[in-house]
Amino acid sequence: QPGTIVVNAGDLLARWSNDVLRSTLHRVVAPPARQISETEAVTPQRQSLAFFCNPNQGARIECLPTCTQAGQAKYAPVTTEQYIVRRLSETYN
């Protein structure tokens, strides 16, 4: 839709919020092509900008008090650096 902004909550934010804010699979899909003649189609314009941010490396990521379910956190506390290093090693090993 014109004027639409999509915000993707990443894995770290999902962890911080005890999965209250869910991380989604990120993918970019081209919009369907518009037929402009019997033999040609054109894909409509689309602009996509990415902006990534993380807490400071030493920030402690633990369940926010307002996001506990029956007082239970799903994930153990971790620093931003520990989390990112682990995720990168899972990706590239």
Protein backbone atom coordinates (compact mmCIF):
# COMPACT_ATOMS: atom_id res chain seq x y z
CA GLN A 1 0.00 0.00 0.00
CA PRO A 2 1.31 3.51 -0.74
CA GLY A 3 2.70 5.20 2.35
CA THR A 4 3.10 1.91 4.23
CA ILE A 5 5.97 1.36 6.63
CA VAL A 6 6.81 -2.12 7.86
CA VAL A 7 8.84 -2.62 11.03
CA ASN A 8 10.47 -5.98 11.54
CA ALA A 9 11.11 -6.89 15.17
CA GLY A 10 14.29 -8.94 15.16
CA ASP A 11 15.29 -11.98 17.17
CA LEU A 12 16.99 -9.99 19.92
CA LEU A 13 13.89 -7.85 20.53
CA ALA A 14 11.75 -11.00 20.58
CA ARG A 15 14.05 -12.45 23.23
CA TRP A 16 14.00 -9.21 25.26
CA SER A 17 10.19 -9.14 25.16
CA ASN A 18 9.79 -12.84 26.03
CA ASP A 19 8.28 -13.36 22.55
CA VAL A 20 5.54 -10.77 23.14
CA LEU A 21 7.02 -9.05 20.06
CA ARG A 22 7.56 -11.85 17.57
CA SER A 23 10.44 -11.99 15.13
CA THR A 24 9.42 -12.83 11.58
CA LEU A 25 11.33 -14.38 8.73
CA HIS A 26 12.77 -11.50 6.73
CA ARG A 27 12.36 -11.72 3.00
CA VAL A 28 11.90 -9.31 0.16
CA VAL A 29 9.47 -10.31 -2.55
CA ALA A 30 9.01 -8.30 -5.72
CA PRO A 31 5.44 -7.12 -6.31
CA PRO A 32 3.59 -8.88 -9.12
CA ALA A 33 4.34 -7.63 -12.62
CA ARG A 34 1.74 -5.52 -14.45
CA GLN A 35 0.97 -6.57 -18.00
CA ILE A 36 1.62 -3.62 -20.35
CA SER A 37 1.10 -5.44 -23.63
CA GLU A 38 0.35 -8.93 -24.85
CA THR A 39 4.04 -9.84 -24.65
CA GLU A 40 5.48 -7.56 -21.94
CA ALA A 41 5.07 -6.95 -18.22
CA VAL A 42 6.63 -4.41 -15.88
CA THR A 43 7.33 -4.79 -12.16
CA PRO A 44 6.02 -1.73 -10.27
CA GLN A 45 8.53 0.51 -8.48
CA ARG A 46 9.38 -0.36 -4.93
CA GLN A 47 11.77 1.22 -2.48
CA SER A 48 13.15 -0.69 0.48
CA LEU A 49 15.46 0.82 3.09
CA ALA A 50 17.07 -1.18 5.87
CA PHE A 51 18.14 0.27 9.18
CA PHE A 52 19.62 -2.10 11.74
CA CYS A 53 20.41 -1.24 15.32
CA ASN A 54 21.53 -3.15 18.37
CA PRO A 55 21.95 -2.28 22.04
CA ASN A 56 25.50 -1.62 23.26
CA GLN A 57 27.65 -4.77 23.33
CA GLY A 58 27.66 -5.03 27.11
CA ALA A 59 23.92 -4.43 27.52
CA ARG A 60 22.23 -7.19 29.50
CA ILE A 61 19.34 -8.65 27.55
CA GLU A 62 16.83 -10.21 29.88
CA CYS A 63 13.07 -10.46 29.94
CA LEU A 64 11.44 -7.10 30.54
CA PRO A 65 9.36 -7.16 33.75
CA THR A 66 6.18 -6.28 31.85
CA CYS A 67 6.66 -9.23 29.47
CA THR A 68 6.82 -12.16 31.88
CA GLN A 69 4.14 -14.79 31.66
CA ALA A 70 3.28 -16.05 35.14
CA GLY A 71 6.66 -14.69 36.25
CA GLN A 72 8.55 -16.94 33.83
CA ALA A 73 11.21 -15.77 31.40
CA LYS A 74 11.69 -18.03 28.35
CA TYR A 75 15.36 -17.12 27.90
CA ALA A 76 18.34 -16.80 30.20
CA PRO A 77 19.96 -13.34 30.41
CA VAL A 78 22.75 -12.67 27.91
CA THR A 79 24.75 -9.65 26.78
CA THR A 80 24.21 -8.23 23.32
CA GLU A 81 27.74 -9.28 22.35
CA GLN A 82 27.27 -12.88 23.55
CA TYR A 83 24.01 -13.15 21.68
CA ILE A 84 25.28 -11.73 18.38
CA VAL A 85 28.50 -13.77 18.44
CA ARG A 86 26.48 -16.95 19.06
CA ARG A 87 24.01 -16.17 16.27
CA LEU A 88 26.81 -15.41 13.80
CA SER A 89 28.62 -18.63 14.70
CA GLU A 90 25.37 -20.58 14.16
CA THR A 91 24.99 -18.92 10.78
CA TYR A 92 28.54 -19.37 9.50
CA ASN A 93 29.64 -22.68 11.09
